[in-house]
């Protein structure tokens, strides 16, 4: 639940304060509405939790979950067509990209 709420907070921030930097999110918001965008948050949050669990414990010390980790994963969502459910890459692939961006290390780097 925490991850879903962090996703929602991140989407609101991107839509309200940084719309020109997030055209895919803004386009989907205008096309499908606020209720729809909010309904995507539990699935995206669950995906983030699944990917985040692949990190070595404490490898992201010094980063804020809600302001660093969640936005890094939200950056990886395919916002082109979000009619029914979010388009998300495999959790391991996402975790590897976020680890490169934030400097964390994965406990399962050789898997998948």
PDB file of N, CA and C in Angstrom:
ATOM      1  N   UNK A   1       0.819  -1.190   0.000  1.00  0.00           N
ATOM      2  CA  UNK A   1       0.000   0.000   0.000  1.00  0.00           C
ATOM      3  C   UNK A   1       0.866   1.260   0.000  1.00  0.00           C
ATOM      4  N   UNK A   2       1.959   1.229   0.774  1.00  0.00           N
ATOM      5  CA  UNK A   2       2.826   2.408   0.824  1.00  0.00           C
ATOM      6  C   UNK A   2       3.369   2.753  -0.559  1.00  0.00           C
ATOM      7  N   UNK A   3       3.773   1.740  -1.296  1.00  0.00           N
ATOM      8  CA  UNK A   3       4.321   1.993  -2.636  1.00  0.00           C
ATOM      9  C   UNK A   3       3.269   2.622  -3.537  1.00  0.00           C
ATOM     10  N   UNK A   4       2.040   2.137  -3.476  1.00  0.00           N
ATOM     11  CA  UNK A   4       0.963   2.702  -4.305  1.00  0.00           C
ATOM     12  C   UNK A   4       0.724   4.164  -3.966  1.00  0.00           C
ATOM     13  N   UNK A   5       0.761   4.495  -2.692  1.00  0.00           N
ATOM     14  CA  UNK A   5       0.571   5.886  -2.288  1.00  0.00           C
ATOM     15  C   UNK A   5       1.746   6.757  -2.743  1.00  0.00           C
ATOM     16  N   UNK A   6       2.944   6.199  -2.694  1.00  0.00           N
ATOM     17  CA  UNK A   6       4.109   6.946  -3.177  1.00  0.00           C
ATOM     18  C   UNK A   6       4.023   7.159  -4.684  1.00  0.00           C
ATOM     19  N   UNK A   7       3.530   6.157  -5.413  1.00  0.00           N
ATOM     20  CA  UNK A   7       3.340   6.310  -6.859  1.00  0.00           C
ATOM     21  C   UNK A   7       2.338   7.424  -7.124  1.00  0.00           C
ATOM     22  N   UNK A   8       1.224   7.408  -6.404  1.00  0.00           N
ATOM     23  CA  UNK A   8       0.201   8.441  -6.597  1.00  0.00           C
ATOM     24  C   UNK A   8       0.775   9.828  -6.318  1.00  0.00           C
ATOM     25  N   UNK A   9       1.518   9.946  -5.238  1.00  0.00           N
ATOM     26  CA  UNK A   9       2.133  11.230  -4.902  1.00  0.00           C
ATOM     27  C   UNK A   9       3.092  11.670  -6.014  1.00  0.00           C
ATOM     28  N   UNK A  10       3.866  10.735  -6.546  1.00  0.00           N
ATOM     29  CA  UNK A  10       4.801  11.059  -7.621  1.00  0.00           C
ATOM     30  C   UNK A  10       4.051  11.480  -8.887  1.00  0.00           C
ATOM     31  N   UNK A  11       2.985  10.781  -9.231  1.00  0.00           N
ATOM     32  CA  UNK A  11       2.214  11.148 -10.422  1.00  0.00           C
ATOM     33  C   UNK A  11       1.595  12.532 -10.277  1.00  0.00           C
ATOM     34  N   UNK A  12       1.057  12.826  -9.104  1.00  0.00           N
ATOM     35  CA  UNK A  12       0.496  14.164  -8.867  1.00  0.00           C
ATOM     36  C   UNK A  12       1.555  15.243  -9.033  1.00  0.00           C
ATOM     37  N   UNK A  13       2.724  14.988  -8.478  1.00  0.00           N
ATOM     38  CA  UNK A  13       3.830  15.940  -8.574  1.00  0.00           C
ATOM     39  C   UNK A  13       4.219  16.177 -10.039  1.00  0.00           C
ATOM     40  N   UNK A  14       4.333  15.102 -10.788  1.00  0.00           N
ATOM     41  CA  UNK A  14       4.721  15.220 -12.200  1.00  0.00           C
ATOM     42  C   UNK A  14       3.650  15.946 -13.010  1.00  0.00           C
ATOM     43  N   UNK A  15       2.400  15.632 -12.758  1.00  0.00           N
ATOM     44  CA  UNK A  15       1.298  16.227 -13.519  1.00  0.00           C
ATOM     45  C   UNK A  15       1.130  17.713 -13.189  1.00  0.00           C
ATOM     46  N   UNK A  16       1.178  18.028 -11.903  1.00  0.00           N
ATOM     47  CA  UNK A  16       0.928  19.411 -11.462  1.00  0.00           C
ATOM     48  C   UNK A  16       2.126  20.335 -11.637  1.00  0.00           C
ATOM     49  N   UNK A  17       3.326  19.861 -11.315  1.00  0.00           N
ATOM     50  CA  UNK A  17       4.484  20.754 -11.267  1.00  0.00           C
ATOM     51  C   UNK A  17       5.421  20.638 -12.455  1.00  0.00           C
ATOM     52  N   UNK A  18       5.435  19.467 -13.118  1.00  0.00           N
ATOM     53  CA  UNK A  18       6.396  19.252 -14.198  1.00  0.00           C
ATOM     54  C   UNK A  18       5.746  18.644 -15.440  1.00  0.00           C
ATOM     55  N   UNK A  19       4.639  19.223 -15.912  1.00  0.00           N
ATOM     56  CA  UNK A  19       3.929  18.603 -17.041  1.00  0.00           C
ATOM     57  C   UNK A  19       4.742  18.548 -18.330  1.00  0.00           C
ATOM     58  N   UNK A  20       5.565  19.523 -18.605  1.00  0.00           N
ATOM     59  CA  UNK A  20       6.323  19.511 -19.862  1.00  0.00           C
ATOM     60  C   UNK A  20       7.419  18.453 -19.854  1.00  0.00           C
ATOM     61  N   UNK A  21       7.848  18.032 -18.667  1.00  0.00           N
ATOM     62  CA  UNK A  21       8.870  16.987 -18.550  1.00  0.00           C
ATOM     63  C   UNK A  21       8.263  15.583 -18.542  1.00  0.00           C
ATOM     64  N   UNK A  22       6.945  15.489 -18.492  1.00  0.00           N
ATOM     65  CA  UNK A  22       6.260  14.200 -18.398  1.00  0.00           C
ATOM     66  C   UNK A  22       5.091  14.123 -19.370  1.00  0.00           C
ATOM     67  N   UNK A  23       5.340  14.276 -20.669  1.00  0.00           N
ATOM     68  CA  UNK A  23       4.239  14.337 -21.631  1.00  0.00           C
ATOM     69  C   UNK A  23       3.396  13.068 -21.700  1.00  0.00           C
ATOM     70  N   UNK A  24       4.007  11.903 -21.504  1.00  0.00           N
ATOM     71  CA  UNK A  24       3.240  10.653 -21.541  1.00  0.00           C
ATOM     72  C   UNK A  24       2.236  10.569 -20.406  1.00  0.00           C
ATOM     73  N   UNK A  25       2.664  10.955 -19.228  1.00  0.00           N
ATOM     74  CA  UNK A  25       1.774  10.945 -18.062  1.00  0.00           C
ATOM     75  C   UNK A  25       0.648  11.951 -18.261  1.00  0.00           C
ATOM     76  N   UNK A  26       0.987  13.148 -18.693  1.00  0.00           N
ATOM     77  CA  UNK A  26      -0.019  14.193 -18.899  1.00  0.00           C
ATOM     78  C   UNK A  26      -1.026  13.771 -19.958  1.00  0.00           C
ATOM     79  N   UNK A  27      -0.549  13.185 -21.049  1.00  0.00           N
ATOM     80  CA  UNK A  27      -1.451  12.754 -22.123  1.00  0.00           C
ATOM     81  C   UNK A  27      -2.418  11.686 -21.627  1.00  0.00           C
ATOM     82  N   UNK A  28      -1.914  10.716 -20.866  1.00  0.00           N
ATOM     83  CA  UNK A  28      -2.790   9.668 -20.343  1.00  0.00           C
ATOM     84  C   UNK A  28      -3.775  10.234 -19.331  1.00  0.00           C
ATOM     85  N   UNK A  29      -3.315  11.185 -18.534  1.00  0.00           N
ATOM     86  CA  UNK A  29      -4.186  11.801 -17.534  1.00  0.00           C
ATOM     87  C   UNK A  29      -5.349  12.516 -18.223  1.00  0.00           C
ATOM     88  N   UNK A  30      -5.025  13.294 -19.250  1.00  0.00           N
ATOM     89  CA  UNK A  30      -6.075  14.031 -19.963  1.00  0.00           C
ATOM     90  C   UNK A  30      -6.997  13.095 -20.728  1.00  0.00           C
ATOM     91  N   UNK A  31      -6.455  12.017 -21.247  1.00  0.00           N
ATOM     92  CA  UNK A  31      -7.246  11.061 -22.031  1.00  0.00           C
ATOM     93  C   UNK A  31      -8.150  10.203 -21.141  1.00  0.00           C
ATOM     94  N   UNK A  32      -7.616   9.728 -20.013  1.00  0.00           N
ATOM     95  CA  UNK A  32      -8.326   8.738 -19.196  1.00  0.00           C
ATOM     96  C   UNK A  32      -8.847   9.250 -17.861  1.00  0.00           C
ATOM     97  N   UNK A  33      -8.368  10.401 -17.395  1.00  0.00           N
ATOM     98  CA  UNK A  33      -8.880  10.988 -16.169  1.00  0.00           C
ATOM     99  C   UNK A  33      -8.147  10.592 -14.897  1.00  0.00           C
ATOM    100  N   UNK A  34      -8.447  11.340 -13.851  1.00  0.00           N
ATOM    101  CA  UNK A  34      -7.793  11.167 -12.560  1.00  0.00           C
ATOM    102  C   UNK A  34      -8.103   9.818 -11.920  1.00  0.00           C
ATOM    103  N   UNK A  35      -9.353   9.392 -11.972  1.00  0.00           N
ATOM    104  CA  UNK A  35      -9.724   8.120 -11.345  1.00  0.00           C
ATOM    105  C   UNK A  35      -8.942   6.974 -11.983  1.00  0.00           C
ATOM    106  N   UNK A  36      -8.837   7.005 -13.293  1.00  0.00           N
ATOM    107  CA  UNK A  36      -8.088   5.953 -13.987  1.00  0.00           C
ATOM    108  C   UNK A  36      -6.610   5.977 -13.595  1.00  0.00           C
ATOM    109  N   UNK A  37      -6.021   7.147 -13.573  1.00  0.00           N
ATOM    110  CA  UNK A  37      -4.609   7.244 -13.214  1.00  0.00           C
ATOM    111  C   UNK A  37      -4.375   6.726 -11.797  1.00  0.00           C
ATOM    112  N   UNK A  38      -5.271   7.076 -10.898  1.00  0.00           N
ATOM    113  CA  UNK A  38      -5.140   6.581  -9.524  1.00  0.00           C
ATOM    114  C   UNK A  38      -5.294   5.067  -9.472  1.00  0.00           C
ATOM    115  N   UNK A  39      -6.151   4.522 -10.336  1.00  0.00           N
ATOM    116  CA  UNK A  39      -6.377   3.070 -10.327  1.00  0.00           C
ATOM    117  C   UNK A  39      -5.159   2.281 -10.800  1.00  0.00           C
ATOM    118  N   UNK A  40      -4.227   2.927 -11.486  1.00  0.00           N
ATOM    119  CA  UNK A  40      -3.004   2.262 -11.925  1.00  0.00           C
ATOM    120  C   UNK A  40      -1.990   2.111 -10.800  1.00  0.00           C
ATOM    121  N   UNK A  41      -2.112   2.913  -9.765  1.00  0.00           N
ATOM    122  CA  UNK A  41      -1.103   2.977  -8.710  1.00  0.00           C
ATOM    123  C   UNK A  41      -0.892   1.670  -7.943  1.00  0.00           C
ATOM    124  N   UNK A  42      -1.928   0.901  -7.594  1.00  0.00           N
ATOM    125  CA  UNK A  42      -1.656  -0.361  -6.891  1.00  0.00           C
ATOM    126  C   UNK A  42      -0.816  -1.340  -7.709  1.00  0.00           C
ATOM    127  N   UNK A  43      -1.094  -1.464  -8.994  1.00  0.00           N
ATOM    128  CA  UNK A  43      -0.312  -2.383  -9.822  1.00  0.00           C
ATOM    129  C   UNK A  43       1.128  -1.903  -9.968  1.00  0.00           C
ATOM    130  N   UNK A  44       1.303  -0.603 -10.191  1.00  0.00           N
ATOM    131  CA  UNK A  44       2.655  -0.060 -10.303  1.00  0.00           C
ATOM    132  C   UNK A  44       3.377  -0.201  -8.965  1.00  0.00           C
ATOM    133  N   UNK A  45       2.676   0.073  -7.873  1.00  0.00           N
ATOM    134  CA  UNK A  45       3.277  -0.069  -6.546  1.00  0.00           C
ATOM    135  C   UNK A  45       3.706  -1.498  -6.259  1.00  0.00           C
ATOM    136  N   UNK A  46       2.876  -2.471  -6.614  1.00  0.00           N
ATOM    137  CA  UNK A  46       3.234  -3.887  -6.406  1.00  0.00           C
ATOM    138  C   UNK A  46       4.462  -4.262  -7.221  1.00  0.00           C
ATOM    139  N   UNK A  47       4.527  -3.761  -8.448  1.00  0.00           N
ATOM    140  CA  UNK A  47       5.682  -4.008  -9.314  1.00  0.00           C
ATOM    141  C   UNK A  47       6.952  -3.416  -8.693  1.00  0.00           C
ATOM    142  N   UNK A  48       6.844  -2.213  -8.157  1.00  0.00           N
ATOM    143  CA  UNK A  48       7.996  -1.580  -7.508  1.00  0.00           C
ATOM    144  C   UNK A  48       8.453  -2.396  -6.311  1.00  0.00           C
ATOM    145  N   UNK A  49       7.514  -2.848  -5.498  1.00  0.00           N
ATOM    146  CA  UNK A  49       7.872  -3.652  -4.324  1.00  0.00           C
ATOM    147  C   UNK A  49       8.589  -4.925  -4.759  1.00  0.00           C
ATOM    148  N   UNK A  50       8.057  -5.588  -5.788  1.00  0.00           N
ATOM    149  CA  UNK A  50       8.679  -6.824  -6.280  1.00  0.00           C
ATOM    150  C   UNK A  50      10.111  -6.553  -6.759  1.00  0.00           C
ATOM    151  N   UNK A  51      10.296  -5.483  -7.494  1.00  0.00           N
ATOM    152  CA  UNK A  51      11.639  -5.140  -7.987  1.00  0.00           C
ATOM    153  C   UNK A  51      12.547  -4.675  -6.854  1.00  0.00           C
ATOM    154  N   UNK A  52      12.016  -3.891  -5.931  1.00  0.00           N
ATOM    155  CA  UNK A  52      12.811  -3.355  -4.827  1.00  0.00           C
ATOM    156  C   UNK A  52      13.334  -4.475  -3.930  1.00  0.00           C
ATOM    157  N   UNK A  53      12.580  -5.545  -3.795  1.00  0.00           N
ATOM    158  CA  UNK A  53      12.999  -6.683  -2.967  1.00  0.00           C
ATOM    159  C   UNK A  53      14.211  -7.404  -3.546  1.00  0.00           C
ATOM    160  N   UNK A  54      14.572  -7.114  -4.792  1.00  0.00           N
ATOM    161  CA  UNK A  54      15.733  -7.733  -5.424  1.00  0.00           C
ATOM    162  C   UNK A  54      17.043  -7.044  -5.036  1.00  0.00           C
ATOM    163  N   UNK A  55      16.949  -5.880  -4.409  1.00  0.00           N
ATOM    164  CA  UNK A  55      18.140  -5.150  -3.991  1.00  0.00           C
ATOM    165  C   UNK A  55      18.747  -5.766  -2.741  1.00  0.00           C
ATOM    166  N   UNK A  56      20.067  -5.691  -2.637  1.00  0.00           N
ATOM    167  CA  UNK A  56      20.723  -6.098  -1.399  1.00  0.00           C
ATOM    168  C   UNK A  56      20.270  -5.170  -0.286  1.00  0.00           C
ATOM    169  N   UNK A  57      20.066  -5.748   0.857  1.00  0.00           N
ATOM    170  CA  UNK A  57      19.634  -4.950   2.010  1.00  0.00           C
ATOM    171  C   UNK A  57      20.624  -3.812   2.248  1.00  0.00           C
ATOM    172  N   UNK A  58      20.115  -2.652   2.452  1.00  0.00           N
ATOM    173  CA  UNK A  58      20.897  -1.446   2.760  1.00  0.00           C
ATOM    174  C   UNK A  58      21.748  -0.920   1.600  1.00  0.00           C
ATOM    175  N   UNK A  59      21.606  -1.482   0.393  1.00  0.00           N
ATOM    176  CA  UNK A  59      22.447  -0.993  -0.705  1.00  0.00           C
ATOM    177  C   UNK A  59      21.989   0.368  -1.216  1.00  0.00           C
ATOM    178  N   UNK A  60      20.798   0.781  -0.828  1.00  0.00           N
ATOM    179  CA  UNK A  60      20.300   2.098  -1.231  1.00  0.00           C
ATOM    180  C   UNK A  60      20.226   3.057  -0.049  1.00  0.00           C
ATOM    181  N   UNK A  61      21.028   2.789   0.972  1.00  0.00           N
ATOM    182  CA  UNK A  61      21.082   3.730   2.097  1.00  0.00           C
ATOM    183  C   UNK A  61      21.430   5.116   1.573  1.00  0.00           C
ATOM    184  N   UNK A  62      20.764   6.107   2.107  1.00  0.00           N
ATOM    185  CA  UNK A  62      20.997   7.472   1.669  1.00  0.00           C
ATOM    186  C   UNK A  62      20.036   7.930   0.590  1.00  0.00           C
ATOM    187  N   UNK A  63      19.197   7.024   0.116  1.00  0.00           N
ATOM    188  CA  UNK A  63      18.167   7.415  -0.846  1.00  0.00           C
ATOM    189  C   UNK A  63      16.810   7.332  -0.167  1.00  0.00           C
ATOM    190  N   UNK A  64      15.928   8.218  -0.542  1.00  0.00           N
ATOM    191  CA  UNK A  64      14.581   8.223   0.025  1.00  0.00           C
ATOM    192  C   UNK A  64      13.675   7.364  -0.850  1.00  0.00           C
ATOM    193  N   UNK A  65      12.959   6.449  -0.228  1.00  0.00           N
ATOM    194  CA  UNK A  65      12.083   5.550  -0.968  1.00  0.00           C
ATOM    195  C   UNK A  65      11.063   6.334  -1.794  1.00  0.00           C
ATOM    196  N   UNK A  66      10.399   7.301  -1.158  1.00  0.00           N
ATOM    197  CA  UNK A  66       9.319   8.023  -1.845  1.00  0.00           C
ATOM    198  C   UNK A  66       9.814   9.082  -2.816  1.00  0.00           C
ATOM    199  N   UNK A  67      10.976   9.655  -2.594  1.00  0.00           N
ATOM    200  CA  UNK A  67      11.455  10.742  -3.463  1.00  0.00           C
ATOM    201  C   UNK A  67      12.539  10.319  -4.445  1.00  0.00           C
ATOM    202  N   UNK A  68      13.166   9.176  -4.236  1.00  0.00           N
ATOM    203  CA  UNK A  68      14.232   8.707  -5.129  1.00  0.00           C
ATOM    204  C   UNK A  68      13.867   7.377  -5.801  1.00  0.00           C
ATOM    205  N   UNK A  69      13.571   6.382  -4.986  1.00  0.00           N
ATOM    206  CA  UNK A  69      13.346   5.025  -5.497  1.00  0.00           C
ATOM    207  C   UNK A  69      12.076   4.946  -6.336  1.00  0.00           C
ATOM    208  N   UNK A  70      10.961   5.348  -5.779  1.00  0.00           N
ATOM    209  CA  UNK A  70       9.689   5.257  -6.517  1.00  0.00           C
ATOM    210  C   UNK A  70       9.740   6.054  -7.821  1.00  0.00           C
ATOM    211  N   UNK A  71      10.181   7.308  -7.819  1.00  0.00           N
ATOM    212  CA  UNK A  71      10.258   8.033  -9.096  1.00  0.00           C
ATOM    213  C   UNK A  71      11.174   7.360 -10.122  1.00  0.00           C
ATOM    214  N   UNK A  72      12.260   6.735  -9.654  1.00  0.00           N
ATOM    215  CA  UNK A  72      13.154   6.042 -10.594  1.00  0.00           C
ATOM    216  C   UNK A  72      12.418   4.900 -11.291  1.00  0.00           C
ATOM    217  N   UNK A  73      11.566   4.203 -10.566  1.00  0.00           N
ATOM    218  CA  UNK A  73      10.780   3.131 -11.181  1.00  0.00           C
ATOM    219  C   UNK A  73       9.658   3.700 -12.052  1.00  0.00           C
ATOM    220  N   UNK A  74       9.008   4.755 -11.593  1.00  0.00           N
ATOM    221  CA  UNK A  74       7.924   5.359 -12.393  1.00  0.00           C
ATOM    222  C   UNK A  74       8.464   5.842 -13.740  1.00  0.00           C
ATOM    223  N   UNK A  75       9.721   6.268 -13.770  1.00  0.00           N
ATOM    224  CA  UNK A  75      10.345   6.668 -15.035  1.00  0.00           C
ATOM    225  C   UNK A  75      10.379   5.529 -16.046  1.00  0.00           C
ATOM    226  N   UNK A  76      10.307   4.299 -15.587  1.00  0.00           N
ATOM    227  CA  UNK A  76      10.410   3.133 -16.466  1.00  0.00           C
ATOM    228  C   UNK A  76       9.065   2.629 -16.984  1.00  0.00           C
ATOM    229  N   UNK A  77       7.973   3.197 -16.502  1.00  0.00           N
ATOM    230  CA  UNK A  77       6.644   2.779 -16.951  1.00  0.00           C
ATOM    231  C   UNK A  77       6.413   3.272 -18.378  1.00  0.00           C
ATOM    232  N   UNK A  78       5.851   2.427 -19.213  1.00  0.00           N
ATOM    233  CA  UNK A  78       5.486   2.805 -20.584  1.00  0.00           C
ATOM    234  C   UNK A  78       4.135   3.505 -20.516  1.00  0.00           C
ATOM    235  N   UNK A  79       4.151   4.821 -20.684  1.00  0.00           N
ATOM    236  CA  UNK A  79       2.931   5.620 -20.543  1.00  0.00           C
ATOM    237  C   UNK A  79       2.171   5.802 -21.850  1.00  0.00           C
ATOM    238  N   UNK A  80       2.584   5.149 -22.914  1.00  0.00           N
ATOM    239  CA  UNK A  80       1.944   5.365 -24.208  1.00  0.00           C
ATOM    240  C   UNK A  80       0.478   4.951 -24.235  1.00  0.00           C
ATOM    241  N   UNK A  81       0.125   3.839 -23.633  1.00  0.00           N
ATOM    242  CA  UNK A  81      -1.260   3.379 -23.672  1.00  0.00           C
ATOM    243  C   UNK A  81      -1.597   2.685 -22.361  1.00  0.00           C
ATOM    244  N   UNK A  82      -2.306   3.360 -21.525  1.00  0.00           N
ATOM    245  CA  UNK A  82      -2.628   2.852 -20.190  1.00  0.00           C
ATOM    246  C   UNK A  82      -4.132   2.656 -20.014  1.00  0.00           C
ATOM    247  N   UNK A  83      -4.794   2.101 -20.994  1.00  0.00           N
ATOM    248  CA  UNK A  83      -6.252   1.979 -20.897  1.00  0.00           C
ATOM    249  C   UNK A  83      -6.715   1.030 -19.805  1.00  0.00           C
ATOM    250  N   UNK A  84      -6.058  -0.104 -19.660  1.00  0.00           N
ATOM    251  CA  UNK A  84      -6.568  -1.103 -18.727  1.00  0.00           C
ATOM    252  C   UNK A  84      -5.609  -1.407 -17.582  1.00  0.00           C
ATOM    253  N   UNK A  85      -4.371  -1.648 -17.913  1.00  0.00           N
ATOM    254  CA  UNK A  85      -3.381  -1.922 -16.877  1.00  0.00           C
ATOM    255  C   UNK A  85      -2.054  -1.344 -17.336  1.00  0.00           C
ATOM    256  N   UNK A  86      -1.184  -1.038 -16.399  1.00  0.00           N
ATOM    257  CA  UNK A  86       0.084  -0.416 -16.776  1.00  0.00           C
ATOM    258  C   UNK A  86       0.994  -1.389 -17.530  1.00  0.00           C
ATOM    259  N   UNK A  87       1.762  -0.848 -18.470  1.00  0.00           N
ATOM    260  CA  UNK A  87       2.764  -1.631 -19.187  1.00  0.00           C
ATOM    261  C   UNK A  87       4.068  -1.524 -18.406  1.00  0.00           C
ATOM    262  N   UNK A  88       4.466  -2.652 -17.836  1.00  0.00           N
ATOM    263  CA  UNK A  88       5.638  -2.671 -16.965  1.00  0.00           C
ATOM    264  C   UNK A  88       6.638  -3.712 -17.448  1.00  0.00           C
ATOM    265  N   UNK A  89       7.905  -3.388 -17.396  1.00  0.00           N
ATOM    266  CA  UNK A  89       8.941  -4.356 -17.760  1.00  0.00           C
ATOM    267  C   UNK A  89       9.098  -5.360 -16.628  1.00  0.00           C
ATOM    268  N   UNK A  90       9.850  -6.402 -16.888  1.00  0.00           N
ATOM    269  CA  UNK A  90      10.114  -7.416 -15.863  1.00  0.00           C
ATOM    270  C   UNK A  90      10.763  -6.755 -14.652  1.00  0.00           C
ATOM    271  N   UNK A  91      10.375  -7.167 -13.446  1.00  0.00           N
ATOM    272  CA  UNK A  91      10.932  -6.545 -12.241  1.00  0.00           C
ATOM    273  C   UNK A  91      12.464  -6.573 -12.180  1.00  0.00           C
ATOM    274  N   UNK A  92      13.093  -7.677 -12.600  1.00  0.00           N
ATOM    275  CA  UNK A  92      14.553  -7.743 -12.551  1.00  0.00           C
ATOM    276  C   UNK A  92      15.180  -6.732 -13.506  1.00  0.00           C
ATOM    277  N   UNK A  93      14.627  -6.600 -14.708  1.00  0.00           N
ATOM    278  CA  UNK A  93      15.146  -5.626 -15.670  1.00  0.00           C
ATOM    279  C   UNK A  93      15.005  -4.211 -15.118  1.00  0.00           C
ATOM    280  N   UNK A  94      13.863  -3.925 -14.497  1.00  0.00           N
ATOM    281  CA  UNK A  94      13.650  -2.605 -13.906  1.00  0.00           C
ATOM    282  C   UNK A  94      14.617  -2.362 -12.757  1.00  0.00           C
ATOM    283  N   UNK A  95      14.792  -3.365 -11.906  1.00  0.00           N
ATOM    284  CA  UNK A  95      15.701  -3.218 -10.765  1.00  0.00           C
ATOM    285  C   UNK A  95      17.128  -2.947 -11.232  1.00  0.00           C
ATOM    286  N   UNK A  96      17.554  -3.616 -12.299  1.00  0.00           N
ATOM    287  CA  UNK A  96      18.908  -3.379 -12.813  1.00  0.00           C
ATOM    288  C   UNK A  96      19.070  -1.934 -13.280  1.00  0.00           C
ATOM    289  N   UNK A  97      18.069  -1.407 -13.980  1.00  0.00           N
ATOM    290  CA  UNK A  97      18.143  -0.017 -14.451  1.00  0.00           C
ATOM    291  C   UNK A  97      18.150   0.968 -13.296  1.00  0.00           C
ATOM    292  N   UNK A  98      17.319   0.717 -12.293  1.00  0.00           N
ATOM    293  CA  UNK A  98      17.276   1.606 -11.130  1.00  0.00           C
ATOM    294  C   UNK A  98      18.584   1.502 -10.341  1.00  0.00           C
ATOM    295  N   UNK A  99      19.153   0.307 -10.249  1.00  0.00           N
ATOM    296  CA  UNK A  99      20.440   0.147  -9.555  1.00  0.00           C
ATOM    297  C   UNK A  99      21.528   0.961 -10.248  1.00  0.00           C
ATOM    298  N   UNK A 100      21.517   0.972 -11.581  1.00  0.00           N
ATOM    299  CA  UNK A 100      22.495   1.778 -12.315  1.00  0.00           C
ATOM    300  C   UNK A 100      22.291   3.263 -12.027  1.00  0.00           C
ATOM    301  N   UNK A 101      21.049   3.672 -11.962  1.00  0.00           N
ATOM    302  CA  UNK A 101      20.754   5.103 -11.765  1.00  0.00           C
ATOM    303  C   UNK A 101      21.044   5.566 -10.338  1.00  0.00           C
ATOM    304  N   UNK A 102      20.682   4.736  -9.363  1.00  0.00           N
ATOM    305  CA  UNK A 102      20.796   5.154  -7.961  1.00  0.00           C
ATOM    306  C   UNK A 102      22.026   4.602  -7.252  1.00  0.00           C
ATOM    307  N   UNK A 103      22.715   3.681  -7.898  1.00  0.00           N
ATOM    308  CA  UNK A 103      23.940   3.158  -7.306  1.00  0.00           C
ATOM    309  C   UNK A 103      23.754   1.994  -6.364  1.00  0.00           C
ATOM    310  N   UNK A 104      22.588   1.402  -6.309  1.00  0.00           N
ATOM    311  CA  UNK A 104      22.362   0.244  -5.455  1.00  0.00           C
ATOM    312  C   UNK A 104      22.888  -1.023  -6.097  1.00  0.00           C
ATOM    313  N   UNK A 105      22.894  -2.105  -5.350  1.00  0.00           N
ATOM    314  CA  UNK A 105      23.319  -3.382  -5.898  1.00  0.00           C
ATOM    315  C   UNK A 105      22.231  -4.420  -5.648  1.00  0.00           C
ATOM    316  N   UNK A 106      22.147  -5.359  -6.579  1.00  0.00           N
ATOM    317  CA  UNK A 106      21.116  -6.380  -6.500  1.00  0.00           C
ATOM    318  C   UNK A 106      21.653  -7.639  -5.857  1.00  0.00           C
ATOM    319  N   UNK A 107      20.802  -8.292  -5.090  1.00  0.00           N
ATOM    320  CA  UNK A 107      21.163  -9.547  -4.467  1.00  0.00           C
ATOM    321  C   UNK A 107      21.171 -10.669  -5.479  1.00  0.00           C
ATOM    322  N   UNK A 108      20.469 -10.464  -6.593  1.00  0.00           N
ATOM    323  CA  UNK A 108      20.299 -11.519  -7.588  1.00  0.00           C
ATOM    324  C   UNK A 108      20.765 -11.052  -8.958  1.00  0.00           C
ATOM    325  N   UNK A 109      21.836 -10.310  -9.034  1.00  0.00           N
ATOM    326  CA  UNK A 109      22.268  -9.675 -10.280  1.00  0.00           C
ATOM    327  C   UNK A 109      22.480 -10.643 -11.424  1.00  0.00           C
ATOM    328  N   UNK A 110      22.793 -11.901 -11.130  1.00  0.00           N
ATOM    329  CA  UNK A 110      23.065 -12.842 -12.222  1.00  0.00           C
ATOM    330  C   UNK A 110      21.821 -13.600 -12.673  1.00  0.00           C
ATOM    331  N   UNK A 111      20.707 -13.455 -11.961  1.00  0.00           N
ATOM    332  CA  UNK A 111      19.484 -14.162 -12.338  1.00  0.00           C
ATOM    333  C   UNK A 111      18.779 -13.450 -13.475  1.00  0.00           C
ATOM    334  N   UNK A 112      17.909 -14.216 -14.178  1.00  0.00           N
ATOM    335  CA  UNK A 112      16.995 -13.683 -15.186  1.00  0.00           C
ATOM    336  C   UNK A 112      17.661 -13.114 -16.341  1.00  0.00           C
TER     337      UNK A 112
END
